Amino acid sequence: MKLFFPLVITIFSFGSPPIVADTSDFDWSGLDREIISLGAPLLIIKSPKGFIGCGYINVDACINEVCATVSEVNTHDEMLTATISAVSEDAAKLGIHIGMSGAEAIRKIK
């Protein structure tokens, strides 16, 4: 019992473990990557079907748009391994859901 309790605290304190993946071979073709330098970077990965953005984006404002967000990222590569934190209605219709990796979501909008 002594070992179990700290483990539970650790899991609840830090949430889900990060998704770890090699992003060096990701196919960026057909995607536009935008960055706007602010206090933290505003990041967008856009395709003809929609876009994945960082936490600056409010998906509730994405009416009739395929839009999803990831949080706590500073680069486009980090967006691939981050988990989706919010989705628009149109993104959900494409099968994008909270908790999937950014790379999985990006493949659905390519």
PDB file of N, CA and C in Angstrom:
ATOM      1  N   MET A   1       0.822  -1.202   0.000  1.00  0.00           N
ATOM      2  CA  MET A   1       0.000   0.000   0.000  1.00  0.00           C
ATOM      3  C   MET A   1       0.860   1.258   0.000  1.00  0.00           C
ATOM      4  N   LYS A   2       2.035   1.184   0.586  1.00  0.00           N
ATOM      5  CA  LYS A   2       2.895   2.366   0.623  1.00  0.00           C
ATOM      6  C   LYS A   2       3.321   2.803  -0.769  1.00  0.00           C
ATOM      7  N   LEU A   3       3.550   1.886  -1.699  1.00  0.00           N
ATOM      8  CA  LEU A   3       3.972   2.235  -3.050  1.00  0.00           C
ATOM      9  C   LEU A   3       2.819   2.711  -3.914  1.00  0.00           C
ATOM     10  N   PHE A   4       1.628   2.189  -3.672  1.00  0.00           N
ATOM     11  CA  PHE A   4       0.473   2.521  -4.498  1.00  0.00           C
ATOM     12  C   PHE A   4       0.071   3.978  -4.342  1.00  0.00           C
ATOM     13  N   PHE A   5       0.013   4.471  -3.125  1.00  0.00           N
ATOM     14  CA  PHE A   5      -0.459   5.836  -2.883  1.00  0.00           C
ATOM     15  C   PHE A   5       0.371   6.891  -3.608  1.00  0.00           C
ATOM     16  N   PRO A   6       1.728   6.870  -3.514  1.00  0.00           N
ATOM     17  CA  PRO A   6       2.500   7.878  -4.277  1.00  0.00           C
ATOM     18  C   PRO A   6       2.300   7.771  -5.784  1.00  0.00           C
ATOM     19  N   LEU A   7       2.105   6.563  -6.295  1.00  0.00           N
ATOM     20  CA  LEU A   7       1.866   6.390  -7.714  1.00  0.00           C
ATOM     21  C   LEU A   7       0.574   7.072  -8.130  1.00  0.00           C
ATOM     22  N   VAL A   8      -0.487   6.922  -7.337  1.00  0.00           N
ATOM     23  CA  VAL A   8      -1.768   7.563  -7.633  1.00  0.00           C
ATOM     24  C   VAL A   8      -1.612   9.070  -7.614  1.00  0.00           C
ATOM     25  N   ILE A   9      -0.914   9.586  -6.629  1.00  0.00           N
ATOM     26  CA  ILE A   9      -0.682  11.030  -6.548  1.00  0.00           C
ATOM     27  C   ILE A   9       0.082  11.516  -7.775  1.00  0.00           C
ATOM     28  N   THR A  10       1.081  10.772  -8.184  1.00  0.00           N
ATOM     29  CA  THR A  10       1.876  11.149  -9.354  1.00  0.00           C
ATOM     30  C   THR A  10       1.007  11.188 -10.601  1.00  0.00           C
ATOM     31  N   ILE A  11       0.179  10.200 -10.800  1.00  0.00           N
ATOM     32  CA  ILE A  11      -0.684  10.152 -11.986  1.00  0.00           C
ATOM     33  C   ILE A  11      -1.658  11.324 -11.995  1.00  0.00           C
ATOM     34  N   PHE A  12      -2.278  11.609 -10.851  1.00  0.00           N
ATOM     35  CA  PHE A  12      -3.230  12.706 -10.808  1.00  0.00           C
ATOM     36  C   PHE A  12      -2.549  14.066 -10.869  1.00  0.00           C
ATOM     37  N   SER A  13      -1.319  14.156 -10.403  1.00  0.00           N
ATOM     38  CA  SER A  13      -0.611  15.430 -10.414  1.00  0.00           C
ATOM     39  C   SER A  13      -0.152  15.816 -11.806  1.00  0.00           C
ATOM     40  N   PHE A  14       0.280  14.837 -12.587  1.00  0.00           N
ATOM     41  CA  PHE A  14       0.882  15.145 -13.869  1.00  0.00           C
ATOM     42  C   PHE A  14       0.021  14.785 -15.058  1.00  0.00           C
ATOM     43  N   GLY A  15      -1.105  14.150 -14.881  1.00  0.00           N
ATOM     44  CA  GLY A  15      -1.980  13.790 -15.984  1.00  0.00           C
ATOM     45  C   GLY A  15      -1.430  12.645 -16.807  1.00  0.00           C
ATOM     46  N   SER A  16      -1.860  12.560 -18.037  1.00  0.00           N
ATOM     47  CA  SER A  16      -1.435  11.486 -18.928  1.00  0.00           C
ATOM     48  C   SER A  16       0.019  11.677 -19.326  1.00  0.00           C
ATOM     49  N   PRO A  17       0.725  10.568 -19.526  1.00  0.00           N
ATOM     50  CA  PRO A  17       2.101  10.714 -19.990  1.00  0.00           C
ATOM     51  C   PRO A  17       2.118  11.247 -21.416  1.00  0.00           C
ATOM     52  N   PRO A  18       3.159  11.975 -21.796  1.00  0.00           N
ATOM     53  CA  PRO A  18       3.210  12.512 -23.159  1.00  0.00           C
ATOM     54  C   PRO A  18       3.353  11.396 -24.179  1.00  0.00           C
ATOM     55  N   ILE A  19       2.843  11.646 -25.368  1.00  0.00           N
ATOM     56  CA  ILE A  19       3.009  10.707 -26.466  1.00  0.00           C
ATOM     57  C   ILE A  19       4.416  10.906 -27.005  1.00  0.00           C
ATOM     58  N   VAL A  20       5.167   9.827 -27.079  1.00  0.00           N
ATOM     59  CA  VAL A  20       6.530   9.924 -27.568  1.00  0.00           C
ATOM     60  C   VAL A  20       6.587   9.297 -28.948  1.00  0.00           C
ATOM     61  N   ALA A  21       7.121  10.022 -29.903  1.00  0.00           N
ATOM     62  CA  ALA A  21       7.220   9.513 -31.271  1.00  0.00           C
ATOM     63  C   ALA A  21       8.382  10.199 -31.974  1.00  0.00           C
ATOM     64  N   ASP A  22       8.924   9.521 -32.954  1.00  0.00           N
ATOM     65  CA  ASP A  22       9.968  10.112 -33.782  1.00  0.00           C
ATOM     66  C   ASP A  22       9.278  10.947 -34.849  1.00  0.00           C
ATOM     67  N   THR A  23       9.524  12.239 -34.854  1.00  0.00           N
ATOM     68  CA  THR A  23       8.850  13.144 -35.794  1.00  0.00           C
ATOM     69  C   THR A  23       9.722  13.482 -36.996  1.00  0.00           C
ATOM     70  N   SER A  24      10.931  12.929 -37.054  1.00  0.00           N
ATOM     71  CA  SER A  24      11.857  13.305 -38.119  1.00  0.00           C
ATOM     72  C   SER A  24      11.397  12.877 -39.510  1.00  0.00           C
ATOM     73  N   ASP A  25      10.582  11.838 -39.585  1.00  0.00           N
ATOM     74  CA  ASP A  25      10.151  11.360 -40.900  1.00  0.00           C
ATOM     75  C   ASP A  25       8.702  11.735 -41.229  1.00  0.00           C
ATOM     76  N   PHE A  26       8.123  12.684 -40.489  1.00  0.00           N
ATOM     77  CA  PHE A  26       6.741  13.082 -40.750  1.00  0.00           C
ATOM     78  C   PHE A  26       6.649  13.747 -42.116  1.00  0.00           C
ATOM     79  N   ASP A  27       5.624  13.392 -42.887  1.00  0.00           N
ATOM     80  CA  ASP A  27       5.415  13.951 -44.227  1.00  0.00           C
ATOM     81  C   ASP A  27       4.642  15.263 -44.123  1.00  0.00           C
ATOM     82  N   TRP A  28       5.344  16.361 -44.278  1.00  0.00           N
ATOM     83  CA  TRP A  28       4.741  17.688 -44.187  1.00  0.00           C
ATOM     84  C   TRP A  28       4.150  18.159 -45.519  1.00  0.00           C
ATOM     85  N   SER A  29       4.212  17.345 -46.570  1.00  0.00           N
ATOM     86  CA  SER A  29       3.715  17.788 -47.875  1.00  0.00           C
ATOM     87  C   SER A  29       2.223  18.112 -47.809  1.00  0.00           C
ATOM     88  N   GLY A  30       1.841  19.158 -48.515  1.00  0.00           N
ATOM     89  CA  GLY A  30       0.446  19.581 -48.561  1.00  0.00           C
ATOM     90  C   GLY A  30       0.007  20.375 -47.347  1.00  0.00           C
ATOM     91  N   LEU A  31       0.933  20.682 -46.457  1.00  0.00           N
ATOM     92  CA  LEU A  31       0.614  21.415 -45.235  1.00  0.00           C
ATOM     93  C   LEU A  31       1.373  22.732 -45.197  1.00  0.00           C
ATOM     94  N   ASP A  32       0.706  23.773 -44.728  1.00  0.00           N
ATOM     95  CA  ASP A  32       1.352  25.058 -44.488  1.00  0.00           C
ATOM     96  C   ASP A  32       1.586  25.183 -42.985  1.00  0.00           C
ATOM     97  N   ARG A  33       2.780  25.590 -42.603  1.00  0.00           N
ATOM     98  CA  ARG A  33       3.105  25.803 -41.199  1.00  0.00           C
ATOM     99  C   ARG A  33       3.345  27.297 -40.971  1.00  0.00           C
ATOM    100  N   GLU A  34       2.592  27.841 -40.056  1.00  0.00           N
ATOM    101  CA  GLU A  34       2.702  29.267 -39.751  1.00  0.00           C
ATOM    102  C   GLU A  34       3.104  29.440 -38.299  1.00  0.00           C
ATOM    103  N   ILE A  35       3.910  30.459 -38.046  1.00  0.00           N
ATOM    104  CA  ILE A  35       4.293  30.808 -36.683  1.00  0.00           C
ATOM    105  C   ILE A  35       4.264  32.320 -36.551  1.00  0.00           C
ATOM    106  N   ILE A  36       3.638  32.790 -35.482  1.00  0.00           N
ATOM    107  CA  ILE A  36       3.627  34.210 -35.153  1.00  0.00           C
ATOM    108  C   ILE A  36       4.296  34.327 -33.791  1.00  0.00           C
ATOM    109  N   SER A  37       5.347  35.108 -33.730  1.00  0.00           N
ATOM    110  CA  SER A  37       6.107  35.247 -32.486  1.00  0.00           C
ATOM    111  C   SER A  37       5.390  36.188 -31.536  1.00  0.00           C
ATOM    112  N   LEU A  38       4.946  35.633 -30.425  1.00  0.00           N
ATOM    113  CA  LEU A  38       4.340  36.395 -29.339  1.00  0.00           C
ATOM    114  C   LEU A  38       5.096  36.001 -28.071  1.00  0.00           C
ATOM    115  N   GLY A  39       4.514  36.204 -26.899  1.00  0.00           N
ATOM    116  CA  GLY A  39       5.145  35.749 -25.667  1.00  0.00           C
ATOM    117  C   GLY A  39       5.455  34.265 -25.753  1.00  0.00           C
ATOM    118  N   ALA A  40       4.497  33.491 -26.192  1.00  0.00           N
ATOM    119  CA  ALA A  40       4.670  32.100 -26.603  1.00  0.00           C
ATOM    120  C   ALA A  40       4.260  32.082 -28.069  1.00  0.00           C
ATOM    121  N   PRO A  41       4.841  31.214 -28.877  1.00  0.00           N
ATOM    122  CA  PRO A  41       4.518  31.264 -30.308  1.00  0.00           C
ATOM    123  C   PRO A  41       3.084  30.825 -30.608  1.00  0.00           C
ATOM    124  N   LEU A  42       2.453  31.536 -31.539  1.00  0.00           N
ATOM    125  CA  LEU A  42       1.157  31.123 -32.060  1.00  0.00           C
ATOM    126  C   LEU A  42       1.465  30.228 -33.261  1.00  0.00           C
ATOM    127  N   LEU A  43       1.070  28.963 -33.167  1.00  0.00           N
ATOM    128  CA  LEU A  43       1.409  27.962 -34.193  1.00  0.00           C
ATOM    129  C   LEU A  43       0.160  27.460 -34.894  1.00  0.00           C
ATOM    130  N   ILE A  44       0.258  27.305 -36.208  1.00  0.00           N
ATOM    131  CA  ILE A  44      -0.823  26.769 -37.036  1.00  0.00           C
ATOM    132  C   ILE A  44      -0.228  25.771 -38.026  1.00  0.00           C
ATOM    133  N   ILE A  45      -0.899  24.647 -38.191  1.00  0.00           N
ATOM    134  CA  ILE A  45      -0.609  23.718 -39.285  1.00  0.00           C
ATOM    135  C   ILE A  45      -1.894  23.641 -40.088  1.00  0.00           C
ATOM    136  N   LYS A  46      -1.840  24.076 -41.351  1.00  0.00           N
ATOM    137  CA  LYS A  46      -3.043  24.232 -42.169  1.00  0.00           C
ATOM    138  C   LYS A  46      -2.979  23.346 -43.403  1.00  0.00           C
ATOM    139  N   SER A  47      -4.143  22.806 -43.730  1.00  0.00           N
ATOM    140  CA  SER A  47      -4.323  22.055 -44.975  1.00  0.00           C
ATOM    141  C   SER A  47      -5.560  22.600 -45.663  1.00  0.00           C
ATOM    142  N   PRO A  48      -5.843  22.136 -46.884  1.00  0.00           N
ATOM    143  CA  PRO A  48      -7.077  22.590 -47.538  1.00  0.00           C
ATOM    144  C   PRO A  48      -8.351  22.214 -46.759  1.00  0.00           C
ATOM    145  N   LYS A  49      -8.296  21.168 -45.925  1.00  0.00           N
ATOM    146  CA  LYS A  49      -9.481  20.734 -45.172  1.00  0.00           C
ATOM    147  C   LYS A  49      -9.690  21.484 -43.862  1.00  0.00           C
ATOM    148  N   GLY A  50      -8.615  22.016 -43.260  1.00  0.00           N
ATOM    149  CA  GLY A  50      -8.752  22.672 -41.964  1.00  0.00           C
ATOM    150  C   GLY A  50      -7.403  22.927 -41.338  1.00  0.00           C
ATOM    151  N   PHE A  51      -7.394  23.105 -40.012  1.00  0.00           N
ATOM    152  CA  PHE A  51      -6.124  23.398 -39.361  1.00  0.00           C
ATOM    153  C   PHE A  51      -6.083  22.887 -37.930  1.00  0.00           C
ATOM    154  N   ILE A  52      -4.841  22.697 -37.467  1.00  0.00           N
ATOM    155  CA  ILE A  52      -4.556  22.381 -36.076  1.00  0.00           C
ATOM    156  C   ILE A  52      -3.778  23.575 -35.544  1.00  0.00           C
ATOM    157  N   GLY A  53      -4.152  24.075 -34.395  1.00  0.00           N
ATOM    158  CA  GLY A  53      -3.479  25.237 -33.826  1.00  0.00           C
ATOM    159  C   GLY A  53      -3.062  24.991 -32.391  1.00  0.00           C
ATOM    160  N   CYS A  54      -2.339  25.944 -31.858  1.00  0.00           N
ATOM    161  CA  CYS A  54      -1.905  25.867 -30.466  1.00  0.00           C
ATOM    162  C   CYS A  54      -3.031  26.380 -29.564  1.00  0.00           C
ATOM    163  N   GLY A  55      -2.732  26.492 -28.288  1.00  0.00           N
ATOM    164  CA  GLY A  55      -3.736  26.884 -27.305  1.00  0.00           C
ATOM    165  C   GLY A  55      -4.279  28.293 -27.434  1.00  0.00           C
ATOM    166  N   TYR A  56      -3.671  29.131 -28.256  1.00  0.00           N
ATOM    167  CA  TYR A  56      -4.216  30.470 -28.504  1.00  0.00           C
ATOM    168  C   TYR A  56      -5.567  30.409 -29.229  1.00  0.00           C
ATOM    169  N   ILE A  57      -5.818  29.327 -29.950  1.00  0.00           N
ATOM    170  CA  ILE A  57      -7.015  29.205 -30.783  1.00  0.00           C
ATOM    171  C   ILE A  57      -8.217  28.788 -29.945  1.00  0.00           C
ATOM    172  N   ASN A  58      -9.344  29.428 -30.177  1.00  0.00           N
ATOM    173  CA  ASN A  58     -10.598  29.080 -29.523  1.00  0.00           C
ATOM    174  C   ASN A  58     -11.454  28.305 -30.532  1.00  0.00           C
ATOM    175  N   VAL A  59     -11.589  26.993 -30.339  1.00  0.00           N
ATOM    176  CA  VAL A  59     -12.331  26.185 -31.318  1.00  0.00           C
ATOM    177  C   VAL A  59     -13.815  26.541 -31.355  1.00  0.00           C
ATOM    178  N   ASP A  60     -14.336  27.134 -30.298  1.00  0.00           N
ATOM    179  CA  ASP A  60     -15.745  27.538 -30.310  1.00  0.00           C
ATOM    180  C   ASP A  60     -15.997  28.643 -31.345  1.00  0.00           C
ATOM    181  N   ALA A  61     -14.953  29.349 -31.719  1.00  0.00           N
ATOM    182  CA  ALA A  61     -15.082  30.391 -32.740  1.00  0.00           C
ATOM    183  C   ALA A  61     -14.941  29.818 -34.147  1.00  0.00           C
ATOM    184  N   CYS A  62     -14.618  28.550 -34.274  1.00  0.00           N
ATOM    185  CA  CYS A  62     -14.416  27.898 -35.573  1.00  0.00           C
ATOM    186  C   CYS A  62     -15.743  27.323 -36.070  1.00  0.00           C
ATOM    187  N   ILE A  63     -16.604  28.204 -36.544  1.00  0.00           N
ATOM    188  CA  ILE A  63     -17.917  27.782 -37.037  1.00  0.00           C
ATOM    189  C   ILE A  63     -17.749  27.339 -38.488  1.00  0.00           C
ATOM    190  N   ASN A  64     -18.239  26.149 -38.808  1.00  0.00           N
ATOM    191  CA  ASN A  64     -18.102  25.574 -40.147  1.00  0.00           C
ATOM    192  C   ASN A  64     -16.638  25.454 -40.576  1.00  0.00           C
ATOM    193  N   GLU A  65     -15.765  25.180 -39.627  1.00  0.00           N
ATOM    194  CA  GLU A  65     -14.328  25.015 -39.880  1.00  0.00           C
ATOM    195  C   GLU A  65     -13.856  23.733 -39.202  1.00  0.00           C
ATOM    196  N   VAL A  66     -12.952  23.019 -39.854  1.00  0.00           N
ATOM    197  CA  VAL A  66     -12.279  21.895 -39.224  1.00  0.00           C
ATOM    198  C   VAL A  66     -11.105  22.482 -38.461  1.00  0.00           C
ATOM    199  N   CYS A  67     -11.187  22.416 -37.147  1.00  0.00           N
ATOM    200  CA  CYS A  67     -10.208  23.063 -36.288  1.00  0.00           C
ATOM    201  C   CYS A  67     -10.016  22.226 -35.031  1.00  0.00           C
ATOM    202  N   ALA A  68      -8.765  22.042 -34.640  1.00  0.00           N
ATOM    203  CA  ALA A  68      -8.443  21.360 -33.388  1.00  0.00           C
ATOM    204  C   ALA A  68      -7.237  22.036 -32.775  1.00  0.00           C
ATOM    205  N   THR A  69      -7.059  21.874 -31.468  1.00  0.00           N
ATOM    206  CA  THR A  69      -5.925  22.500 -30.804  1.00  0.00           C
ATOM    207  C   THR A  69      -5.135  21.505 -29.967  1.00  0.00           C
ATOM    208  N   VAL A  70      -3.880  21.857 -29.772  1.00  0.00           N
ATOM    209  CA  VAL A  70      -2.993  21.188 -28.832  1.00  0.00           C
ATOM    210  C   VAL A  70      -2.456  22.275 -27.906  1.00  0.00           C
ATOM    211  N   SER A  71      -2.029  21.894 -26.717  1.00  0.00           N
ATOM    212  CA  SER A  71      -1.569  22.881 -25.741  1.00  0.00           C
ATOM    213  C   SER A  71      -0.119  22.648 -25.358  1.00  0.00           C
ATOM    214  N   GLU A  72       0.473  23.704 -24.822  1.00  0.00           N
ATOM    215  CA  GLU A  72       1.833  23.651 -24.275  1.00  0.00           C
ATOM    216  C   GLU A  72       2.872  23.193 -25.292  1.00  0.00           C
ATOM    217  N   VAL A  73       2.828  23.800 -26.473  1.00  0.00           N
ATOM    218  CA  VAL A  73       3.792  23.490 -27.528  1.00  0.00           C
ATOM    219  C   VAL A  73       4.514  24.769 -27.943  1.00  0.00           C
ATOM    220  N   ASN A  74       5.742  24.605 -28.410  1.00  0.00           N
ATOM    221  CA  ASN A  74       6.530  25.741 -28.864  1.00  0.00           C
ATOM    222  C   ASN A  74       7.037  25.585 -30.287  1.00  0.00           C
ATOM    223  N   THR A  75       6.833  24.404 -30.882  1.00  0.00           N
ATOM    224  CA  THR A  75       7.280  24.155 -32.252  1.00  0.00           C
ATOM    225  C   THR A  75       6.235  23.312 -32.975  1.00  0.00           C
ATOM    226  N   HIS A  76       6.327  23.294 -34.295  1.00  0.00           N
ATOM    227  CA  HIS A  76       5.430  22.450 -35.081  1.00  0.00           C
ATOM    228  C   HIS A  76       5.703  20.974 -34.806  1.00  0.00           C
ATOM    229  N   ASP A  77       6.962  20.604 -34.617  1.00  0.00           N
ATOM    230  CA  ASP A  77       7.270  19.203 -34.291  1.00  0.00           C
ATOM    231  C   ASP A  77       6.631  18.784 -32.979  1.00  0.00           C
ATOM    232  N   GLU A  78       6.622  19.660 -31.988  1.00  0.00           N
ATOM    233  CA  GLU A  78       5.977  19.346 -30.714  1.00  0.00           C
ATOM    234  C   GLU A  78       4.471  19.152 -30.886  1.00  0.00           C
ATOM    235  N   MET A  79       3.886  19.828 -31.876  1.00  0.00           N
ATOM    236  CA  MET A  79       2.454  19.668 -32.135  1.00  0.00           C
ATOM    237  C   MET A  79       2.122  18.238 -32.567  1.00  0.00           C
ATOM    238  N   LEU A  80       3.066  17.576 -33.216  1.00  0.00           N
ATOM    239  CA  LEU A  80       2.834  16.197 -33.661  1.00  0.00           C
ATOM    240  C   LEU A  80       2.650  15.245 -32.490  1.00  0.00           C
ATOM    241  N   THR A  81       3.426  15.432 -31.438  1.00  0.00           N
ATOM    242  CA  THR A  81       3.391  14.501 -30.311  1.00  0.00           C
ATOM    243  C   THR A  81       2.460  14.941 -29.196  1.00  0.00           C
ATOM    244  N   ALA A  82       1.982  16.181 -29.241  1.00  0.00           N
ATOM    245  CA  ALA A  82       1.035  16.668 -28.238  1.00  0.00           C
ATOM    246  C   ALA A  82      -0.329  16.022 -28.469  1.00  0.00           C
ATOM    247  N   THR A  83      -1.150  16.006 -27.446  1.00  0.00           N
ATOM    248  CA  THR A  83      -2.493  15.443 -27.594  1.00  0.00           C
ATOM    249  C   THR A  83      -3.490  16.560 -27.908  1.00  0.00           C
ATOM    250  N   ILE A  84      -4.466  16.223 -28.695  1.00  0.00           N
ATOM    251  CA  ILE A  84      -5.526  17.167 -29.046  1.00  0.00           C
ATOM    252  C   ILE A  84      -6.305  17.507 -27.777  1.00  0.00           C
ATOM    253  N   SER A  85      -6.478  18.820 -27.542  1.00  0.00           N
ATOM    254  CA  SER A  85      -7.147  19.261 -26.319  1.00  0.00           C
ATOM    255  C   SER A  85      -8.552  19.820 -26.563  1.00  0.00           C
ATOM    256  N   ALA A  86      -8.851  20.190 -27.811  1.00  0.00           N
ATOM    257  CA  ALA A  86     -10.183  20.705 -28.145  1.00  0.00           C
ATOM    258  C   ALA A  86     -10.418  20.509 -29.639  1.00  0.00           C
ATOM    259  N   VAL A  87     -11.684  20.311 -30.013  1.00  0.00           N
ATOM    260  CA  VAL A  87     -12.034  20.118 -31.426  1.00  0.00           C
ATOM    261  C   VAL A  87     -13.317  20.878 -31.753  1.00  0.00           C
ATOM    262  N   SER A  88     -13.401  21.335 -32.992  1.00  0.00           N
ATOM    263  CA  SER A  88     -14.637  21.945 -33.478  1.00  0.00           C
ATOM    264  C   SER A  88     -15.604  20.833 -33.885  1.00  0.00           C
ATOM    265  N   GLU A  89     -16.856  21.206 -34.100  1.00  0.00           N
ATOM    266  CA  GLU A  89     -17.850  20.219 -34.538  1.00  0.00           C
ATOM    267  C   GLU A  89     -17.440  19.570 -35.855  1.00  0.00           C
ATOM    268  N   ASP A  90     -16.948  20.373 -36.793  1.00  0.00           N
ATOM    269  CA  ASP A  90     -16.560  19.827 -38.098  1.00  0.00           C
ATOM    270  C   ASP A  90     -15.342  18.915 -37.985  1.00  0.00           C
ATOM    271  N   ALA A  91     -14.433  19.201 -37.061  1.00  0.00           N
ATOM    272  CA  ALA A  91     -13.281  18.322 -36.839  1.00  0.00           C
ATOM    273  C   ALA A  91     -13.744  16.977 -36.272  1.00  0.00           C
ATOM    274  N   ALA A  92     -14.698  17.024 -35.368  1.00  0.00           N
ATOM    275  CA  ALA A  92     -15.236  15.786 -34.792  1.00  0.00           C
ATOM    276  C   ALA A  92     -15.881  14.921 -35.874  1.00  0.00           C
ATOM    277  N   LYS A  93     -16.527  15.554 -36.844  1.00  0.00           N
ATOM    278  CA  LYS A  93     -17.145  14.805 -37.945  1.00  0.00           C
ATOM    279  C   LYS A  93     -16.104  14.076 -38.788  1.00  0.00           C
ATOM    280  N   LEU A  94     -14.867  14.576 -38.811  1.00  0.00           N
ATOM    281  CA  LEU A  94     -13.777  13.908 -39.543  1.00  0.00           C
ATOM    282  C   LEU A  94     -13.109  12.813 -38.707  1.00  0.00           C
ATOM    283  N   GLY A  95     -13.552  12.670 -37.450  1.00  0.00           N
ATOM    284  CA  GLY A  95     -12.964  11.650 -36.589  1.00  0.00           C
ATOM    285  C   GLY A  95     -11.847  12.153 -35.703  1.00  0.00           C
ATOM    286  N   ILE A  96     -11.635  13.447 -35.665  1.00  0.00           N
ATOM    287  CA  ILE A  96     -10.638  14.014 -34.763  1.00  0.00           C
ATOM    288  C   ILE A  96     -11.272  14.138 -33.386  1.00  0.00           C
ATOM    289  N   HIS A  97     -10.553  13.682 -32.363  1.00  0.00           N
ATOM    290  CA  HIS A  97     -11.126  13.721 -31.014  1.00  0.00           C
ATOM    291  C   HIS A  97     -10.072  14.088 -29.977  1.00  0.00           C
ATOM    292  N   ILE A  98     -10.548  14.586 -28.860  1.00  0.00           N
ATOM    293  CA  ILE A  98      -9.678  14.938 -27.746  1.00  0.00           C
ATOM    294  C   ILE A  98      -8.913  13.694 -27.308  1.00  0.00           C
ATOM    295  N   GLY A  99      -7.623  13.857 -27.107  1.00  0.00           N
ATOM    296  CA  GLY A  99      -6.775  12.766 -26.642  1.00  0.00           C
ATOM    297  C   GLY A  99      -5.948  12.108 -27.736  1.00  0.00           C
ATOM    298  N   MET A 100      -6.328  12.270 -29.005  1.00  0.00           N
ATOM    299  CA  MET A 100      -5.512  11.681 -30.080  1.00  0.00           C
ATOM    300  C   MET A 100      -4.275  12.550 -30.275  1.00  0.00           C
ATOM    301  N   SER A 101      -3.264  12.007 -30.898  1.00  0.00           N
ATOM    302  CA  SER A 101      -2.046  12.786 -31.117  1.00  0.00           C
ATOM    303  C   SER A 101      -2.276  13.828 -32.216  1.00  0.00           C
ATOM    304  N   GLY A 102      -1.479  14.874 -32.156  1.00  0.00           N
ATOM    305  CA  GLY A 102      -1.541  15.887 -33.197  1.00  0.00           C
ATOM    306  C   GLY A 102      -1.250  15.299 -34.564  1.00  0.00           C
ATOM    307  N   ALA A 103      -0.296  14.361 -34.633  1.00  0.00           N
ATOM    308  CA  ALA A 103       0.042  13.724 -35.918  1.00  0.00           C
ATOM    309  C   ALA A 103      -1.156  12.980 -36.489  1.00  0.00           C
ATOM    310  N   GLU A 104      -1.894  12.264 -35.642  1.00  0.00           N
ATOM    311  CA  GLU A 104      -3.086  11.545 -36.117  1.00  0.00           C
ATOM    312  C   GLU A 104      -4.118  12.529 -36.660  1.00  0.00           C
ATOM    313  N   ALA A 105      -4.322  13.621 -35.938  1.00  0.00           N
ATOM    314  CA  ALA A 105      -5.294  14.626 -36.370  1.00  0.00           C
ATOM    315  C   ALA A 105      -4.872  15.265 -37.690  1.00  0.00           C
ATOM    316  N   ILE A 106      -3.589  15.553 -37.827  1.00  0.00           N
ATOM    317  CA  ILE A 106      -3.093  16.175 -39.050  1.00  0.00           C
ATOM    318  C   ILE A 106      -3.289  15.239 -40.242  1.00  0.00           C
ATOM    319  N   ARG A 107      -3.078  13.966 -40.048  1.00  0.00           N
ATOM    320  CA  ARG A 107      -3.285  12.990 -41.137  1.00  0.00           C
ATOM    321  C   ARG A 107      -4.746  12.994 -41.580  1.00  0.00           C
ATOM    322  N   LYS A 108      -5.673  13.254 -40.664  1.00  0.00           N
ATOM    323  CA  LYS A 108      -7.091  13.270 -41.021  1.00  0.00           C
ATOM    324  C   LYS A 108      -7.481  14.509 -41.808  1.00  0.00           C
ATOM    325  N   ILE A 109      -6.693  15.578 -41.700  1.00  0.00           N
ATOM    326  CA  ILE A 109      -7.034  16.792 -42.466  1.00  0.00           C
ATOM    327  C   ILE A 109      -6.219  16.922 -43.742  1.00  0.00           C
ATOM    328  N   LYS A 110      -5.297  16.006 -43.986  1.00  0.00           N
ATOM    329  CA  LYS A 110      -4.485  16.084 -45.208  1.00  0.00           C
ATOM    330  C   LYS A 110      -5.308  15.740 -46.430  1.00  0.00           C
TER     331      LYS A 110
END
